[in-house]
Protein backbone atom coordinates (compact mmCIF):
# COMPACT_ATOMS: atom_id res chain seq x y z
CA ALA A 1 -3.34 60.55 -61.39
CA VAL A 2 -6.01 58.89 -63.54
CA GLY A 3 -3.44 56.43 -64.89
CA VAL A 4 -2.48 55.48 -61.33
CA GLY A 5 -6.17 55.04 -60.54
CA PHE A 6 -6.78 52.79 -63.54
CA TYR A 7 -3.82 50.62 -62.55
CA GLY A 8 -4.98 50.39 -58.93
CA ASN A 9 -8.53 49.56 -59.97
CA SER A 10 -7.28 46.82 -62.28
CA GLU A 11 -4.97 45.33 -59.63
CA THR A 12 -7.72 45.30 -57.02
CA ASN A 13 -10.12 43.68 -59.47
CA ASP A 14 -7.55 41.00 -60.39
CA GLY A 15 -6.91 40.24 -56.72
CA VAL A 16 -10.60 39.93 -55.90
CA PHE A 17 -11.26 37.67 -58.87
CA GLN A 18 -8.33 35.46 -57.87
CA LEU A 19 -9.93 35.19 -54.44
CA LEU A 20 -13.30 34.35 -56.01
CA TYR A 21 -11.72 31.66 -58.18
CA ALA A 22 -10.05 30.11 -55.13
CA LEU A 23 -13.33 30.20 -53.18
CA ASP A 24 -15.25 28.57 -56.03
CA HIS A 25 -12.63 25.85 -56.49
CA ALA A 26 -12.55 25.11 -52.76
CA ASN A 27 -16.34 25.03 -52.74
CA GLN A 28 -16.34 22.48 -55.57
CA THR A 29 -13.91 20.31 -53.61
CA LEU A 30 -16.03 20.41 -50.46
CA THR A 31 -19.21 19.72 -52.43
CA GLY A 32 -17.47 16.78 -54.13
CA ILE A 33 -16.49 15.32 -50.75
CA ASP A 34 -20.06 15.50 -49.46
CA SER A 35 -21.37 14.02 -52.72
CA LEU A 36 -18.96 11.06 -52.58
CA VAL A 37 -19.78 10.38 -48.93
CA ALA A 38 -23.52 10.49 -49.66
CA SER A 39 -23.29 8.22 -52.73
CA THR A 40 -21.06 5.67 -50.98
CA THR A 41 -23.33 5.61 -47.94
CA LEU A 42 -26.32 5.06 -50.21
CA GLN A 43 -24.56 2.16 -51.92
CA MET A 44 -23.72 0.51 -48.61
CA GLN A 45 -27.15 1.03 -47.08
CA GLY A 46 -29.19 0.45 -50.22
CA GLY A 47 -27.84 -1.73 -53.01
CA LEU A 48 -25.43 -3.78 -50.90
CA GLU A 49 -28.03 -4.53 -48.23
CA GLN A 50 -30.48 -5.78 -50.87
CA HIS A 51 -27.92 -8.10 -52.44
CA LEU A 52 -26.86 -9.46 -49.05
CA ALA A 53 -30.49 -10.06 -48.03
CA ARG A 54 -31.14 -12.14 -51.15
CA LEU A 55 -27.86 -14.03 -50.69
CA ASN A 56 -28.87 -14.87 -47.12
CA GLU A 57 -31.98 -16.55 -48.51
CA LEU A 58 -30.13 -18.38 -51.28
CA LEU A 59 -27.28 -19.61 -49.06
CA ALA A 60 -29.40 -20.30 -45.96
CA SER A 61 -28.54 -24.01 -46.04
CA ARG A 62 -24.86 -23.32 -45.40
CA GLY A 63 -24.18 -21.78 -42.01
CA ASP A 64 -20.57 -20.85 -42.78
CA TYR A 65 -21.61 -18.88 -45.86
CA VAL A 66 -24.38 -17.13 -43.93
CA GLN A 67 -21.83 -16.23 -41.26
CA THR A 68 -19.59 -14.76 -43.96
CA LEU A 69 -22.47 -12.66 -45.27
CA LYS A 70 -23.22 -11.46 -41.75
CA PHE A 71 -19.57 -10.52 -41.30
CA THR A 72 -19.64 -8.63 -44.62
CA GLN A 73 -22.76 -6.80 -43.51
CA GLN A 74 -21.05 -5.77 -40.27
CA LEU A 75 -18.11 -4.39 -42.24
CA ALA A 76 -20.50 -2.44 -44.47
CA GLY A 77 -22.08 -0.98 -41.35
CA SER A 78 -18.65 0.02 -40.06
CA ILE A 79 -17.93 1.85 -43.33
CA VAL A 80 -21.22 3.75 -43.07
CA LEU A 81 -20.42 4.61 -39.46
CA GLN A 82 -16.98 5.96 -40.33
CA LEU A 83 -18.29 7.96 -43.30
CA GLN A 84 -20.83 9.59 -41.02
CA GLU A 85 -17.99 10.61 -38.71
CA LEU A 86 -16.23 12.55 -41.47
CA PRO A 87 -16.67 16.34 -41.20
CA ALA A 88 -19.85 17.52 -42.91
CA TRP A 89 -18.79 20.35 -45.20
CA ARG A 90 -22.32 21.47 -46.13
CA GLY A 91 -22.26 24.37 -43.67
CA VAL A 92 -18.81 25.52 -44.76
CA SER A 93 -19.76 25.15 -48.43
CA ALA A 94 -22.89 27.25 -47.91
CA ASP A 95 -20.83 29.92 -46.14
CA LEU A 96 -18.30 29.97 -48.99
CA THR A 97 -21.08 30.28 -51.56
CA GLU A 98 -22.63 33.18 -49.68
CA LEU A 99 -19.26 34.88 -49.19
CA SER A 100 -18.35 34.46 -52.85
CA GLY A 101 -21.65 35.97 -53.97
CA GLN A 102 -21.32 38.94 -51.64
CA VAL A 103 -17.71 39.63 -52.65
CA ALA A 104 -18.57 39.42 -56.36
CA TYR A 105 -21.53 41.78 -55.89
CA VAL A 106 -19.51 44.37 -53.96
CA GLU A 107 -16.54 44.14 -56.34
CA TYR A 108 -18.68 44.68 -59.43
CA TYR A 109 -20.17 47.92 -58.11
CA ARG A 110 -16.83 49.05 -56.64
CA TRP A 111 -15.11 48.60 -60.00
CA LEU A 112 -17.97 50.34 -61.82
CA ALA A 113 -18.04 53.24 -59.33
CA TYR A 114 -14.32 53.89 -59.74
CA LEU A 115 -14.63 53.71 -63.51
CA LEU A 116 -17.32 56.40 -63.41
CA PHE A 117 -15.17 58.39 -60.99
CA PHE A 118 -12.26 58.35 -63.44
CA ILE A 119 -14.54 59.51 -66.24
CA LEU A 120 -15.82 62.37 -64.07
CA VAL A 121 -12.27 63.42 -63.22
CA LEU A 122 -11.32 63.52 -66.89
CA THR A 123 -14.53 65.42 -67.72
CA VAL A 124 -13.87 68.08 -65.08
CA CYS A 125 -10.28 68.47 -66.28
CA LEU A 126 -11.58 68.86 -69.83
CA LEU A 127 -14.05 71.53 -68.66
CA ALA A 128 -11.24 73.41 -66.93
CA CYS A 129 -9.07 73.40 -70.04
CA LEU A 130 -12.01 74.35 -72.25
CA GLY A 131 -13.06 77.20 -69.94
CA LEU A 132 -9.58 78.67 -69.88
CA ALA A 133 -9.16 78.29 -73.63
CA LYS A 134 -12.48 79.97 -74.48
CA HIS A 135 -12.32 82.48 -71.61
CA SER A 136 -15.85 81.40 -70.64
CA ARG A 137 -17.13 82.41 -67.21
CA CYS A 138 -19.97 79.88 -67.41
CA LEU A 139 -17.55 77.02 -67.98
CA LEU A 140 -15.35 78.36 -65.21
CA VAL A 141 -18.27 78.40 -62.73
CA LEU A 142 -19.32 74.92 -63.83
CA MET A 143 -15.73 73.73 -63.44
CA LEU A 144 -15.55 75.26 -59.96
CA CYS A 145 -18.77 73.52 -58.82
CA CYS A 146 -17.65 70.20 -60.28
CA GLY A 147 -14.22 70.68 -58.74
CA LEU A 148 -15.75 71.10 -55.28
CA LEU A 149 -17.80 67.94 -55.81
CA MET A 150 -14.76 66.00 -57.03
CA LEU A 151 -12.72 67.25 -54.07
CA VAL A 152 -15.29 65.84 -51.66
CA LEU A 153 -15.44 62.57 -53.60
CA SER A 154 -11.64 62.33 -53.66
CA TRP A 155 -11.35 62.68 -49.89
CA ALA A 156 -14.22 60.21 -49.39
CA SER A 157 -12.53 57.77 -51.76
CA LEU A 158 -9.25 58.16 -49.90
CA ALA A 159 -10.97 57.41 -46.59
CA VAL A 160 -12.67 54.29 -47.99
CA ASP A 161 -9.46 53.04 -49.64
CA THR A 162 -7.46 53.58 -46.47
CA ALA A 163 -10.03 51.80 -44.30
CA ALA A 164 -10.23 48.87 -46.73
CA ALA A 165 -6.44 48.59 -46.99
CA VAL A 166 -5.98 48.70 -43.20
CA GLY A 167 -8.74 46.14 -42.59
CA THR A 168 -7.39 43.79 -45.26
CA SER A 169 -3.85 44.16 -43.93
CA ASP A 170 -5.02 43.29 -40.42
CA PHE A 171 -6.58 40.11 -41.78
CA CYS A 172 -3.46 39.26 -43.79
CA VAL A 173 -1.23 39.51 -40.70
CA ALA A 174 -2.78 36.35 -39.18
CA PRO A 175 -5.38 34.86 -41.54
CA ASP A 176 -5.03 31.37 -40.05
CA LYS A 177 -6.17 32.50 -36.60
CA PHE A 178 -9.14 34.33 -38.07
CA ILE A 179 -10.24 31.27 -40.06
CA MET A 180 -9.82 28.93 -37.10
CA ASN A 181 -11.97 31.22 -34.95
CA GLN A 182 -14.66 31.41 -37.65
CA THR A 183 -14.81 27.62 -38.17
CA ASP A 184 -14.44 26.61 -34.52
CA ASP A 185 -18.11 25.63 -34.19
CA GLU A 186 -18.29 23.56 -37.40
CA ILE A 187 -14.94 21.83 -37.98
CA SER A 188 -12.45 20.46 -35.45
CA ALA A 189 -9.29 22.49 -34.86
CA GLU A 190 -7.10 19.55 -35.93
CA VAL A 191 -8.76 19.31 -39.35
CA VAL A 192 -8.61 23.08 -39.90
CA HIS A 193 -4.93 23.11 -38.88
CA TYR A 194 -4.24 20.27 -41.33
CA TYR A 195 -5.64 22.24 -44.27
CA LEU A 196 -4.24 25.64 -43.30
CA TYR A 197 -0.64 24.50 -42.87
CA CYS A 198 -0.55 21.25 -44.89
CA ASP A 199 2.58 20.08 -43.09
CA GLN A 200 3.93 17.08 -44.99
CA SER A 201 5.56 15.77 -41.82
CA LEU A 202 2.10 15.08 -40.41
CA SER A 203 -0.20 12.41 -41.76
CA SER A 204 -3.77 13.09 -42.73
CA PRO A 205 -6.10 13.22 -39.70
CA PHE A 206 -8.46 10.95 -41.65
CA GLN A 207 -5.83 8.23 -42.02
CA GLN A 208 -4.23 8.13 -38.59
CA VAL A 209 -4.14 4.75 -36.90
CA GLN A 210 -4.48 4.76 -33.15
CA GLY A 211 -2.10 2.26 -31.68
CA GLY A 212 -0.18 -0.43 -33.50
CA GLY A 213 -0.75 -4.00 -34.43
CA HIS A 214 -3.30 -5.49 -36.75
CA PRO A 215 -6.88 -4.41 -37.30
CA PRO A 216 -9.38 -6.35 -35.17
CA TRP A 217 -10.66 -8.42 -38.09
CA CYS A 218 -7.32 -9.37 -39.67
CA CYS A 219 -7.19 -12.79 -38.10
CA LEU A 220 -10.80 -13.76 -38.82
CA GLY A 221 -11.66 -16.19 -41.53
CA LEU A 222 -15.05 -16.71 -43.12
CA GLY A 223 -17.17 -15.57 -40.25
CA GLY A 224 -16.72 -14.12 -36.82
CA SER A 225 -17.55 -10.74 -35.41
CA VAL A 226 -15.94 -7.39 -35.92
CA THR A 227 -15.38 -4.44 -33.62
CA VAL A 228 -14.53 -1.24 -35.44
CA PRO A 229 -12.89 1.73 -33.73
CA HIS A 230 -15.33 4.63 -33.54
CA SER A 231 -13.07 7.53 -34.46
CA PRO A 232 -13.31 10.08 -37.28
CA LEU A 233 -9.53 10.44 -37.23
CA GLN A 234 -9.08 7.12 -38.99
CA ALA A 235 -12.20 7.00 -41.13
CA LEU A 236 -10.40 6.40 -44.43
CA THR A 237 -8.15 3.76 -42.88
CA VAL A 238 -11.16 1.82 -41.56
CA PHE A 239 -12.92 2.33 -44.90
CA GLN A 240 -9.98 0.89 -46.84
CA ARG A 241 -9.38 -2.09 -44.56
CA SER A 242 -13.05 -2.94 -44.29
CA LEU A 243 -13.46 -2.72 -48.05
CA THR A 244 -10.42 -4.94 -48.68
CA THR A 245 -11.72 -7.53 -46.22
CA MET A 246 -15.17 -7.47 -47.83
CA GLN A 247 -13.65 -8.00 -51.27
CA ILE A 248 -11.70 -11.00 -49.97
CA GLN A 249 -14.84 -12.47 -48.39
CA ILE A 250 -16.96 -12.02 -51.53
CA GLN A 251 -14.18 -13.39 -53.73
CA GLY A 252 -14.10 -16.47 -51.52
CA LEU A 253 -17.86 -16.91 -51.88
CA ILE A 254 -17.60 -16.56 -55.66
CA GLN A 255 -14.88 -19.20 -55.72
CA TYR A 256 -16.42 -21.75 -53.35
CA ALA A 257 -20.15 -21.04 -53.03
CA LEU A 258 -21.00 -20.18 -56.62
CA PRO A 259 -20.42 -23.74 -57.99
CA LEU A 260 -22.86 -25.04 -55.35
CA PHE A 261 -25.41 -22.21 -55.69
CA PRO A 262 -25.39 -20.98 -59.31
CA THR A 263 -28.54 -18.90 -58.71
CA ALA A 264 -26.50 -16.63 -56.43
CA GLU A 265 -24.25 -15.51 -59.29
CA LYS A 266 -26.19 -12.32 -60.06
CA ASP A 267 -26.15 -11.08 -56.47
CA LEU A 268 -22.53 -12.07 -55.82
CA LEU A 269 -21.37 -10.26 -58.95
CA GLY A 270 -23.59 -7.32 -57.99
CA VAL A 271 -21.90 -7.11 -54.59
CA GLN A 272 -18.49 -7.34 -56.23
CA GLN A 273 -19.39 -4.52 -58.62
CA LEU A 274 -20.59 -2.34 -55.75
CA LEU A 275 -17.38 -2.96 -53.84
CA ASN A 276 -15.29 -2.05 -56.89
CA SER A 277 -17.32 1.14 -57.28
CA SER A 278 -16.83 1.91 -53.59
CA GLU A 279 -13.08 1.40 -54.00
CA THR A 280 -13.06 4.00 -56.78
CA SER A 281 -14.99 6.37 -54.53
CA LEU A 282 -12.45 5.72 -51.77
CA HIS A 283 -9.56 6.77 -54.02
CA GLN A 284 -11.44 9.89 -55.12
CA LEU A 285 -12.35 10.73 -51.54
CA THR A 286 -8.75 10.28 -50.42
CA ALA A 287 -7.57 12.64 -53.16
CA LEU A 288 -10.19 15.27 -52.31
CA LEU A 289 -9.47 15.11 -48.58
CA ASP A 290 -5.75 15.55 -49.17
CA CYS A 291 -4.63 18.93 -47.86
CA ARG A 292 -2.71 20.01 -50.96
CA GLY A 293 -5.75 20.94 -53.03
CA LEU A 294 -7.55 23.06 -50.44
CA HIS A 295 -4.26 24.48 -49.16
CA LYS A 296 -3.42 25.68 -52.68
CA ASP A 297 -6.83 27.36 -52.90
CA TYR A 298 -6.14 28.97 -49.52
CA LEU A 299 -2.77 30.32 -50.67
CA ASP A 300 -4.19 31.51 -54.01
CA GLY A 301 -6.93 33.40 -52.20
CA LEU A 302 -4.44 34.98 -49.80
CA ILE A 303 -2.13 36.03 -52.64
CA GLY A 304 -5.05 37.56 -54.49
CA ILE A 305 -6.41 39.60 -51.61
CA CYS A 306 -3.23 40.29 -49.62
CA TYR A 307 -0.90 41.16 -52.50
CA ASP A 308 -2.80 42.26 -55.60
CA GLY A 309 -5.80 43.48 -53.62
CA VAL A 310 -3.87 45.52 -51.06
CA GLU A 311 -1.50 46.85 -53.72
CA GLY A 312 -4.46 47.98 -55.80
CA LEU A 313 -6.05 49.69 -52.80
CA LEU A 314 -2.81 51.56 -52.10
CA TYR A 315 -2.65 52.79 -55.69
CA LEU A 316 -6.29 53.84 -55.50
CA GLY A 317 -5.50 55.73 -52.31
CA LEU A 318 -2.60 57.44 -54.08
CA PHE A 319 -4.91 58.36 -56.94
CA SER A 320 -7.45 59.83 -54.52
CA LEU A 321 -4.72 61.84 -52.80
CA LEU A 322 -3.36 63.19 -56.10
CA ALA A 323 -6.88 63.99 -57.32
CA ALA A 324 -7.69 65.82 -54.08
CA ALA A 325 -4.47 67.84 -54.36
CA ALA A 326 -5.17 68.64 -58.02
CA PHE A 327 -8.74 69.79 -57.42
CA SER A 328 -7.65 71.79 -54.38
CA THR A 329 -5.18 73.60 -56.63
CA VAL A 330 -7.85 74.18 -59.27
CA ILE A 331 -10.30 75.59 -56.72
CA CYS A 332 -7.65 77.88 -55.25
CA ALA A 333 -6.71 79.14 -58.72
CA ALA A 334 -10.33 79.72 -59.80
CA PRO A 335 -10.72 83.22 -58.20
CA ARG A 336 -7.58 84.48 -59.91
CA ALA A 337 -8.75 83.09 -63.24
CA TRP A 338 -12.12 84.80 -62.69
CA LYS A 339 -10.40 88.17 -62.13
CA GLN A 340 -8.34 87.76 -65.27
CA LEU A 341 -11.44 86.95 -67.30
CA ALA A 342 -13.29 89.92 -65.77
CA GLY A 343 -10.48 92.28 -66.76
CA ARG A 344 -10.68 91.33 -70.42
């Protein structure tokens, strides 16, 4: 029975720690997304705006160049707008951190409590064997009292294991529905569905393009106005197209305006460097927002809690049942052993 209990305790612990690892990895991904969005927004609103303001002063004598800078500034504003429309994961990340801490705390004391329980079971069994071997009434009475205590603990452990196994099994029957209900107020159902199922036949909700044709700025040259669709479902698409257009505009200024205004070299190269850095952030953000990473964490967590965890709880329940049966037998046999010792 104790061997079964040790195995069940180990399996449950492995399953919980696999869940904790998945939660921590998912939390790092969500934190990384928020960090990239914040840093890119700061670049667009801070460093880029400063460079464009100085370039407006340096190139003020050329209206076409000023119009190009204005157009670039509008595109930067559209990127900031789209980044702000991405889901903010701070609330979900905080919930995952709190959940991970609570699960780790409960699991540590659960594992420790069962370890002490196993030691007590072995100690009581040792007392029973020692009492019978030495024909000691004191050890027999002590064994009987400890046996009653262990019987109560065994039935209590069985009740807790059964309740935990049933509750976990209910969650594992439809975990997707439970998660969608819990995140309904924070994240849109379409985004949650994308990460829970990660259907490769569907495109990312952050890269969908509404309607066909060309983007509204594709036919503009150096100058003009831009109207950017206000939709979080195509934030990365707008980000990528706006960034590409900005790079083309700045490259044109470097090629044609720089020979006429050499003092603008520092700011033009600074803008180009910021755009290259933003492009790197775009690739990282696209990779982090891809469903495969978070979906793998989701599956790893489910496997840990729904397979190893539930299996371990069932073995712990079996241990509790065997221990209760064993101590019931010991308690029932104690009066007969007492009579035999009294007759000696």
